[in-house]
Amino acid sequence: QVQLVESGGGLVQAGGSLRLSCVPSERTFSPYRMGWFRQAPGKERELVAHFTWSPGTAYYADFVQGRFTISRDNAKNAVYLQMNSLEPEDTAVYYCAARSHISSRDYDYWGQGTQVTVSS
């Protein structure tokens, strides 16, 4: 089973930046779509952003648009999330996920999560 290895979380002051990384354990893994989700304490998991390899398009949730940027590395089939102008409301566990095939009904690969904490 392919593993999604996450890194880049941590503690940052409001207004600061972090970059999250998600690298598949198997570099030949080429999913239809990879995305980032987050879950804050007491809240449901929500989609932050995703990137679809074909046609190479990005999507952002309204609450992060203009602050976050999702990008890819074709050599590694990795996905990154550059987070700028972080706010305390962004505090959550961030999960990388992949939808392996266009025919997949939902995301079928998940990382273990990385904690992002934004202090006020």
N, C-alpha and C. Protein backbone atom coordinates (compact mmCIF):
# COMPACT_ATOMS: atom_id res chain seq x y z
N GLN A 1 0.85 -1.19 0.00
CA GLN A 1 0.00 0.00 0.00
C GLN A 1 0.89 1.25 0.00
N VAL A 2 0.57 2.20 -0.85
CA VAL A 2 1.31 3.46 -0.91
C VAL A 2 1.02 4.27 0.34
N GLN A 3 2.08 4.85 0.92
CA GLN A 3 1.95 5.72 2.07
C GLN A 3 2.18 7.16 1.66
N LEU A 4 1.41 8.07 2.24
CA LEU A 4 1.59 9.49 2.02
C LEU A 4 2.31 10.06 3.23
N VAL A 5 3.54 10.54 3.03
CA VAL A 5 4.39 11.00 4.12
C VAL A 5 4.30 12.52 4.21
N GLU A 6 3.81 13.01 5.33
CA GLU A 6 3.60 14.43 5.54
C GLU A 6 4.68 15.03 6.43
N SER A 7 4.96 16.31 6.21
CA SER A 7 5.88 17.05 7.05
C SER A 7 5.60 18.54 6.90
N GLY A 8 6.19 19.34 7.79
CA GLY A 8 6.12 20.78 7.68
C GLY A 8 5.25 21.50 8.69
N GLY A 9 4.50 20.75 9.49
CA GLY A 9 3.68 21.39 10.50
C GLY A 9 4.51 21.95 11.63
N GLY A 10 3.87 22.74 12.48
CA GLY A 10 4.55 23.31 13.61
C GLY A 10 3.78 24.45 14.23
N LEU A 11 4.47 25.20 15.08
CA LEU A 11 3.90 26.35 15.78
C LEU A 11 4.40 27.62 15.12
N VAL A 12 3.48 28.51 14.81
CA VAL A 12 3.84 29.77 14.16
C VAL A 12 2.97 30.89 14.71
N GLN A 13 3.51 32.09 14.73
CA GLN A 13 2.76 33.25 15.18
C GLN A 13 1.81 33.73 14.09
N ALA A 14 0.71 34.33 14.49
CA ALA A 14 -0.23 34.87 13.53
C ALA A 14 0.48 35.79 12.54
N GLY A 15 0.15 35.62 11.26
CA GLY A 15 0.80 36.37 10.20
C GLY A 15 1.99 35.66 9.60
N GLY A 16 2.42 34.58 10.21
CA GLY A 16 3.56 33.83 9.72
C GLY A 16 3.21 32.85 8.63
N SER A 17 4.20 32.03 8.25
CA SER A 17 4.05 31.11 7.14
C SER A 17 4.58 29.73 7.48
N LEU A 18 4.02 28.73 6.84
CA LEU A 18 4.49 27.36 6.90
C LEU A 18 4.31 26.73 5.53
N ARG A 19 5.12 25.73 5.23
CA ARG A 19 4.95 24.95 4.02
C ARG A 19 4.82 23.48 4.37
N LEU A 20 3.70 22.90 4.00
CA LEU A 20 3.45 21.49 4.22
C LEU A 20 3.86 20.69 2.99
N SER A 21 4.37 19.50 3.23
CA SER A 21 4.82 18.62 2.17
C SER A 21 4.15 17.27 2.29
N CYS A 22 3.80 16.69 1.16
CA CYS A 22 3.21 15.35 1.10
C CYS A 22 3.88 14.58 -0.03
N VAL A 23 4.65 13.56 0.33
CA VAL A 23 5.42 12.80 -0.64
C VAL A 23 5.00 11.33 -0.59
N PRO A 24 4.51 10.77 -1.68
CA PRO A 24 4.18 9.34 -1.69
C PRO A 24 5.42 8.47 -1.48
N SER A 25 5.24 7.37 -0.77
CA SER A 25 6.36 6.46 -0.53
C SER A 25 6.81 5.77 -1.81
N GLU A 26 5.93 5.66 -2.78
CA GLU A 26 6.24 5.08 -4.08
C GLU A 26 6.17 6.19 -5.12
N ARG A 27 7.32 6.52 -5.72
CA ARG A 27 7.38 7.66 -6.63
C ARG A 27 6.67 7.42 -7.96
N THR A 28 6.31 6.18 -8.24
CA THR A 28 5.55 5.91 -9.44
C THR A 28 4.06 6.12 -9.22
N PHE A 29 3.67 6.38 -7.98
CA PHE A 29 2.28 6.64 -7.66
C PHE A 29 1.86 7.94 -8.32
N SER A 30 0.88 7.86 -9.20
CA SER A 30 0.44 9.01 -9.97
C SER A 30 -1.07 9.13 -9.88
N PRO A 31 -1.56 9.77 -8.83
CA PRO A 31 -2.99 9.84 -8.62
C PRO A 31 -3.68 10.84 -9.53
N TYR A 32 -4.96 10.70 -9.62
CA TYR A 32 -5.77 11.65 -10.37
C TYR A 32 -5.78 13.02 -9.67
N ARG A 33 -5.84 13.00 -8.33
CA ARG A 33 -5.96 14.25 -7.57
C ARG A 33 -5.33 14.07 -6.19
N MET A 34 -4.64 15.08 -5.73
CA MET A 34 -4.15 15.12 -4.36
C MET A 34 -4.63 16.40 -3.70
N GLY A 35 -4.93 16.30 -2.43
CA GLY A 35 -5.47 17.45 -1.73
C GLY A 35 -5.05 17.53 -0.28
N TRP A 36 -5.39 18.65 0.31
CA TRP A 36 -5.15 18.89 1.73
C TRP A 36 -6.47 19.13 2.43
N PHE A 37 -6.67 18.44 3.53
CA PHE A 37 -7.81 18.63 4.41
C PHE A 37 -7.31 19.08 5.77
N ARG A 38 -8.20 19.61 6.58
CA ARG A 38 -7.84 19.95 7.94
C ARG A 38 -9.01 19.67 8.87
N GLN A 39 -8.69 19.41 10.13
CA GLN A 39 -9.70 19.17 11.14
C GLN A 39 -9.28 19.85 12.44
N ALA A 40 -10.08 20.81 12.86
CA ALA A 40 -9.85 21.52 14.11
C ALA A 40 -10.60 20.80 15.23
N PRO A 41 -10.18 20.99 16.47
CA PRO A 41 -10.88 20.34 17.59
C PRO A 41 -12.36 20.67 17.61
N GLY A 42 -13.18 19.63 17.71
CA GLY A 42 -14.62 19.80 17.77
C GLY A 42 -15.29 20.11 16.45
N LYS A 43 -14.54 20.10 15.35
CA LYS A 43 -15.11 20.41 14.05
C LYS A 43 -14.94 19.25 13.09
N GLU A 44 -15.74 19.28 12.03
CA GLU A 44 -15.64 18.27 10.99
C GLU A 44 -14.43 18.54 10.10
N ARG A 45 -13.93 17.49 9.47
CA ARG A 45 -12.85 17.63 8.52
C ARG A 45 -13.34 18.41 7.30
N GLU A 46 -12.51 19.32 6.80
CA GLU A 46 -12.90 20.15 5.67
C GLU A 46 -11.78 20.22 4.64
N LEU A 47 -12.17 20.35 3.40
CA LEU A 47 -11.22 20.46 2.30
C LEU A 47 -10.59 21.85 2.30
N VAL A 48 -9.27 21.90 2.18
CA VAL A 48 -8.54 23.15 2.11
C VAL A 48 -8.21 23.50 0.66
N ALA A 49 -7.62 22.56 -0.06
CA ALA A 49 -7.23 22.76 -1.45
C ALA A 49 -6.97 21.42 -2.09
N HIS A 50 -7.06 21.36 -3.41
CA HIS A 50 -6.64 20.16 -4.11
C HIS A 50 -6.06 20.50 -5.47
N PHE A 51 -5.27 19.58 -5.99
CA PHE A 51 -4.65 19.73 -7.29
C PHE A 51 -4.95 18.50 -8.13
N THR A 52 -5.47 18.73 -9.32
CA THR A 52 -5.79 17.66 -10.25
C THR A 52 -4.74 17.62 -11.34
N TRP A 53 -4.07 16.46 -11.47
CA TRP A 53 -2.93 16.36 -12.39
C TRP A 53 -3.30 16.62 -13.85
N SER A 54 -4.45 16.15 -14.24
CA SER A 54 -4.94 16.41 -15.58
C SER A 54 -6.31 17.04 -15.47
N PRO A 55 -6.41 18.31 -15.83
CA PRO A 55 -5.54 19.12 -16.70
C PRO A 55 -4.50 19.98 -15.99
N GLY A 56 -4.23 19.74 -14.71
CA GLY A 56 -3.26 20.53 -13.96
C GLY A 56 -3.88 21.78 -13.37
N THR A 57 -4.94 21.59 -12.63
CA THR A 57 -5.69 22.71 -12.07
C THR A 57 -5.74 22.61 -10.55
N ALA A 58 -5.82 23.77 -9.92
CA ALA A 58 -5.90 23.86 -8.47
C ALA A 58 -7.25 24.40 -8.04
N TYR A 59 -7.67 23.99 -6.87
CA TYR A 59 -8.90 24.47 -6.27
C TYR A 59 -8.61 24.88 -4.83
N TYR A 60 -9.25 25.97 -4.39
CA TYR A 60 -9.06 26.47 -3.04
C TYR A 60 -10.40 26.73 -2.36
N ALA A 61 -10.48 26.37 -1.11
CA ALA A 61 -11.63 26.77 -0.32
C ALA A 61 -11.63 28.28 -0.14
N ASP A 62 -12.81 28.85 0.00
CA ASP A 62 -12.92 30.30 0.11
C ASP A 62 -12.12 30.86 1.28
N PHE A 63 -12.04 30.12 2.37
CA PHE A 63 -11.42 30.66 3.57
C PHE A 63 -9.90 30.72 3.50
N VAL A 64 -9.29 30.13 2.45
CA VAL A 64 -7.83 30.20 2.30
C VAL A 64 -7.41 30.85 0.99
N GLN A 65 -8.34 31.12 0.11
CA GLN A 65 -8.00 31.68 -1.20
C GLN A 65 -7.27 33.02 -1.03
N GLY A 66 -6.14 33.14 -1.72
CA GLY A 66 -5.32 34.34 -1.61
C GLY A 66 -4.23 34.25 -0.58
N ARG A 67 -4.32 33.28 0.33
CA ARG A 67 -3.31 33.10 1.37
C ARG A 67 -2.50 31.81 1.18
N PHE A 68 -3.15 30.76 0.69
CA PHE A 68 -2.50 29.47 0.53
C PHE A 68 -2.28 29.17 -0.95
N THR A 69 -1.23 28.42 -1.24
CA THR A 69 -0.94 28.00 -2.60
C THR A 69 -0.57 26.52 -2.61
N ILE A 70 -1.26 25.74 -3.43
CA ILE A 70 -0.94 24.33 -3.59
C ILE A 70 -0.09 24.18 -4.84
N SER A 71 0.93 23.33 -4.77
CA SER A 71 1.82 23.13 -5.90
C SER A 71 2.22 21.66 -5.98
N ARG A 72 2.83 21.29 -7.08
CA ARG A 72 3.19 19.90 -7.32
C ARG A 72 4.65 19.78 -7.73
N ASP A 73 5.18 18.57 -7.58
CA ASP A 73 6.50 18.20 -8.07
C ASP A 73 6.30 16.94 -8.88
N ASN A 74 6.36 17.07 -10.20
CA ASN A 74 6.08 15.93 -11.07
C ASN A 74 7.09 14.79 -10.90
N ALA A 75 8.35 15.12 -10.57
CA ALA A 75 9.37 14.09 -10.41
C ALA A 75 9.07 13.19 -9.22
N LYS A 76 8.51 13.77 -8.16
CA LYS A 76 8.21 13.02 -6.95
C LYS A 76 6.74 12.68 -6.82
N ASN A 77 5.92 13.22 -7.71
CA ASN A 77 4.47 13.14 -7.56
C ASN A 77 4.02 13.65 -6.20
N ALA A 78 4.74 14.66 -5.72
CA ALA A 78 4.46 15.24 -4.42
C ALA A 78 3.58 16.47 -4.55
N VAL A 79 2.98 16.84 -3.45
CA VAL A 79 2.16 18.04 -3.40
C VAL A 79 2.55 18.84 -2.16
N TYR A 80 2.53 20.16 -2.29
CA TYR A 80 2.92 21.06 -1.22
C TYR A 80 1.82 22.07 -0.98
N LEU A 81 1.78 22.57 0.23
CA LEU A 81 0.83 23.62 0.57
C LEU A 81 1.60 24.75 1.25
N GLN A 82 1.78 25.85 0.53
CA GLN A 82 2.41 27.04 1.09
C GLN A 82 1.33 27.86 1.77
N MET A 83 1.48 28.08 3.07
CA MET A 83 0.48 28.78 3.85
C MET A 83 1.08 30.09 4.35
N ASN A 84 0.52 31.20 3.89
CA ASN A 84 0.95 32.53 4.29
C ASN A 84 -0.17 33.23 5.05
N SER A 85 0.19 34.28 5.76
CA SER A 85 -0.77 35.07 6.53
C SER A 85 -1.65 34.20 7.40
N LEU A 86 -1.01 33.29 8.12
CA LEU A 86 -1.75 32.34 8.95
C LEU A 86 -2.48 33.05 10.09
N GLU A 87 -3.63 32.53 10.41
CA GLU A 87 -4.48 33.06 11.45
C GLU A 87 -4.73 31.98 12.51
N PRO A 88 -5.06 32.38 13.74
CA PRO A 88 -5.36 31.37 14.76
C PRO A 88 -6.45 30.39 14.33
N GLU A 89 -7.39 30.85 13.51
CA GLU A 89 -8.46 29.99 13.02
C GLU A 89 -7.96 28.88 12.10
N ASP A 90 -6.72 29.00 11.61
CA ASP A 90 -6.14 27.96 10.77
C ASP A 90 -5.58 26.80 11.59
N THR A 91 -5.57 26.92 12.90
CA THR A 91 -5.05 25.85 13.76
C THR A 91 -5.87 24.58 13.57
N ALA A 92 -5.19 23.50 13.22
CA ALA A 92 -5.86 22.23 12.95
C ALA A 92 -4.80 21.18 12.65
N VAL A 93 -5.25 19.94 12.58
CA VAL A 93 -4.43 18.88 12.02
C VAL A 93 -4.69 18.86 10.52
N TYR A 94 -3.63 18.93 9.74
CA TYR A 94 -3.74 18.96 8.29
C TYR A 94 -3.39 17.59 7.73
N TYR A 95 -4.26 17.08 6.85
CA TYR A 95 -4.11 15.76 6.28
C TYR A 95 -3.92 15.85 4.77
N CYS A 96 -2.93 15.17 4.27
CA CYS A 96 -2.77 14.97 2.84
C CYS A 96 -3.61 13.78 2.42
N ALA A 97 -4.19 13.86 1.23
CA ALA A 97 -5.01 12.76 0.72
C ALA A 97 -4.87 12.68 -0.79
N ALA A 98 -5.16 11.50 -1.33
CA ALA A 98 -5.09 11.28 -2.76
C ALA A 98 -6.31 10.53 -3.25
N ARG A 99 -6.82 10.95 -4.38
CA ARG A 99 -7.84 10.22 -5.12
C ARG A 99 -7.10 9.52 -6.25
N SER A 100 -7.00 8.21 -6.17
CA SER A 100 -6.06 7.47 -7.01
C SER A 100 -6.45 7.46 -8.49
N HIS A 101 -7.74 7.39 -8.78
CA HIS A 101 -8.20 7.27 -10.15
C HIS A 101 -9.39 8.19 -10.38
N ILE A 102 -9.57 8.56 -11.64
CA ILE A 102 -10.69 9.41 -11.98
C ILE A 102 -12.01 8.71 -11.67
N SER A 103 -11.99 7.39 -11.69
CA SER A 103 -13.20 6.62 -11.41
C SER A 103 -13.44 6.41 -9.92
N SER A 104 -12.47 6.79 -9.07
CA SER A 104 -12.64 6.65 -7.63
C SER A 104 -13.75 7.57 -7.15
N ARG A 105 -14.59 7.07 -6.27
CA ARG A 105 -15.71 7.87 -5.78
C ARG A 105 -15.25 8.90 -4.75
N ASP A 106 -14.15 8.63 -4.06
CA ASP A 106 -13.69 9.51 -3.01
C ASP A 106 -12.17 9.35 -2.85
N TYR A 107 -11.59 10.15 -1.98
CA TYR A 107 -10.18 10.00 -1.65
C TYR A 107 -9.96 8.64 -0.99
N ASP A 108 -8.95 7.91 -1.47
CA ASP A 108 -8.71 6.55 -0.98
C ASP A 108 -7.33 6.34 -0.37
N TYR A 109 -6.51 7.38 -0.30
CA TYR A 109 -5.23 7.34 0.39
C TYR A 109 -5.14 8.54 1.31
N TRP A 110 -4.67 8.32 2.54
CA TRP A 110 -4.60 9.39 3.53
C TRP A 110 -3.27 9.36 4.28
N GLY A 111 -2.72 10.54 4.53
CA GLY A 111 -1.56 10.65 5.39
C GLY A 111 -1.96 10.62 6.85
N GLN A 112 -0.96 10.65 7.73
CA GLN A 112 -1.20 10.55 9.16
C GLN A 112 -1.57 11.88 9.80
N GLY A 113 -1.37 12.97 9.09
CA GLY A 113 -1.69 14.29 9.61
C GLY A 113 -0.49 14.98 10.21
N THR A 114 -0.48 16.29 10.13
CA THR A 114 0.56 17.11 10.75
C THR A 114 -0.10 18.30 11.42
N GLN A 115 0.31 18.58 12.65
CA GLN A 115 -0.31 19.62 13.46
C GLN A 115 0.20 21.00 13.05
N VAL A 116 -0.73 21.91 12.82
CA VAL A 116 -0.43 23.31 12.58
C VAL A 116 -1.09 24.12 13.69
N THR A 117 -0.29 24.87 14.43
CA THR A 117 -0.80 25.69 15.52
C THR A 117 -0.37 27.13 15.29
N VAL A 118 -1.34 28.03 15.25
CA VAL A 118 -1.09 29.45 15.02
C VAL A 118 -1.45 30.20 16.29
N SER A 119 -0.48 30.85 16.89
CA SER A 119 -0.70 31.59 18.12
C SER A 119 -1.14 33.02 17.82
N SER A 120 -1.91 33.59 18.73
CA SER A 120 -2.40 34.94 18.56
C SER A 120 -1.46 35.96 19.18
